[in-house]
Amino acid sequence: MFGGWQAVEDSGLALAEATRLLTVPGRLCSNGKPVPVQNADWIKFVQGLRQAGLTTYKAAQAKSQDALSDASDKVTLACMNCHDVYREKTDAQGGLAARCTK
């Protein structure tokens, strides 16, 4: 494993801590629209990502390849859940105008 278990621990913690940035009011999406920090599903998605980061951290602390594989699945699912609703959307012309909206 490149970087060793310490790098995986650090990455898990960084992912968990980065979720705070996803809840800061006033931030803008790439299309200039406000990040929907008040939306219940956004909050749920951010919490899922935070939990996935902490799960990754714990798997690395245990030095468990199996637990890390499960954690990787949780990170992928957490990202996909949010991206399916907010990130991958495009407007009728194929642009990014629909991002950060439902």
Protein backbone atom coordinates (compact mmCIF):
# COMPACT_ATOMS: atom_id res chain seq x y z
CA MET A 1 0.00 0.00 0.00
CA PHE A 2 1.57 3.30 -1.09
CA GLY A 3 1.98 5.64 1.86
CA GLY A 4 1.09 2.97 4.36
CA TRP A 5 -1.72 2.83 6.85
CA GLN A 6 -0.85 6.27 8.19
CA ALA A 7 -1.71 7.79 4.81
CA VAL A 8 -5.06 6.00 4.82
CA GLU A 9 -5.77 7.22 8.37
CA ASP A 10 -4.92 10.77 7.33
CA SER A 11 -7.09 10.52 4.22
CA GLY A 12 -10.07 9.23 6.19
CA LEU A 13 -9.79 12.06 8.68
CA ALA A 14 -9.31 14.64 5.93
CA LEU A 15 -12.45 13.40 4.18
CA ALA A 16 -14.46 13.51 7.40
CA GLU A 17 -13.21 16.99 8.30
CA ALA A 18 -13.73 18.34 4.77
CA THR A 19 -17.45 17.77 5.15
CA ARG A 20 -17.58 20.88 7.32
CA LEU A 21 -16.85 22.91 4.19
CA LEU A 22 -19.93 21.41 2.54
CA THR A 23 -22.16 22.98 5.19
CA VAL A 24 -20.79 26.53 5.23
CA PRO A 25 -23.57 28.98 4.28
CA GLY A 26 -22.77 31.30 1.39
CA ARG A 27 -20.64 28.89 -0.62
CA LEU A 28 -21.46 28.65 -4.32
CA CYS A 29 -21.61 25.71 -6.69
CA SER A 30 -19.67 25.79 -9.96
CA ASN A 31 -22.69 27.33 -11.71
CA GLY A 32 -22.88 30.21 -9.22
CA LYS A 33 -25.93 28.93 -7.35
CA PRO A 34 -25.83 28.66 -3.55
CA VAL A 35 -24.87 25.31 -2.07
CA PRO A 36 -28.17 23.88 -0.72
CA VAL A 37 -26.95 23.64 2.88
CA GLN A 38 -30.51 23.89 4.24
CA ASN A 39 -31.86 20.92 2.27
CA ALA A 40 -32.54 17.84 4.40
CA ASP A 41 -31.10 15.51 1.79
CA TRP A 42 -27.92 17.61 1.46
CA ILE A 43 -27.43 17.38 5.22
CA LYS A 44 -28.01 13.62 5.06
CA PHE A 45 -25.52 13.23 2.20
CA VAL A 46 -22.87 15.25 4.04
CA GLN A 47 -23.38 13.16 7.18
CA GLY A 48 -23.00 10.00 5.09
CA LEU A 49 -19.72 11.25 3.66
CA ARG A 50 -18.46 12.17 7.13
CA GLN A 51 -19.33 8.71 8.41
CA ALA A 52 -17.59 7.10 5.43
CA GLY A 53 -14.44 9.09 6.20
CA LEU A 54 -14.51 8.03 9.84
CA THR A 55 -15.09 4.41 8.81
CA THR A 56 -12.02 4.66 6.58
CA TYR A 57 -10.01 6.06 9.47
CA LYS A 58 -11.07 3.24 11.78
CA ALA A 59 -10.30 0.60 9.15
CA ALA A 60 -6.81 2.02 8.75
CA GLN A 61 -6.28 2.08 12.50
CA ALA A 62 -7.21 -1.60 12.60
CA LYS A 63 -4.93 -2.25 9.61
CA SER A 64 -7.71 -4.36 8.15
CA GLN A 65 -7.78 -4.78 4.39
CA ASP A 66 -11.32 -6.20 4.59
CA ALA A 67 -12.57 -3.26 6.65
CA LEU A 68 -10.86 -0.87 4.26
CA SER A 69 -12.61 -2.50 1.31
CA ASP A 70 -15.96 -2.01 3.07
CA ALA A 71 -15.01 1.60 3.87
CA SER A 72 -14.14 2.21 0.23
CA ASP A 73 -17.61 1.03 -0.74
CA LYS A 74 -19.12 3.46 1.78
CA VAL A 75 -17.12 6.38 0.39
CA THR A 76 -18.18 5.51 -3.16
CA LEU A 77 -21.83 5.24 -2.14
CA ALA A 78 -21.74 8.50 -0.16
CA CYS A 79 -20.29 10.38 -3.14
CA MET A 80 -22.67 8.77 -5.62
CA ASN A 81 -25.77 9.53 -3.50
CA CYS A 82 -25.05 13.24 -3.56
CA HIS A 83 -23.73 13.45 -7.10
CA ASP A 84 -26.80 11.68 -8.47
CA VAL A 85 -29.01 14.42 -7.02
CA TYR A 86 -26.86 17.53 -7.22
CA ARG A 87 -23.69 17.16 -9.25
CA GLU A 88 -24.48 15.15 -12.36
CA LYS A 89 -27.50 17.22 -13.33
CA THR A 90 -27.43 19.39 -16.43
CA ASP A 91 -29.94 21.75 -17.94
CA ALA A 92 -31.80 21.15 -21.21
CA GLN A 93 -28.84 22.45 -23.19
CA GLY A 94 -26.43 20.09 -21.44
CA GLY A 95 -24.90 22.85 -19.30
CA LEU A 96 -24.33 23.01 -15.58
CA ALA A 97 -27.22 25.34 -14.72
CA ALA A 98 -29.19 22.60 -12.96
CA ARG A 99 -26.42 21.75 -10.50
CA CYS A 100 -27.17 22.45 -6.84
CA THR A 101 -30.88 22.34 -7.65
CA LYS A 102 -33.43 19.58 -7.72
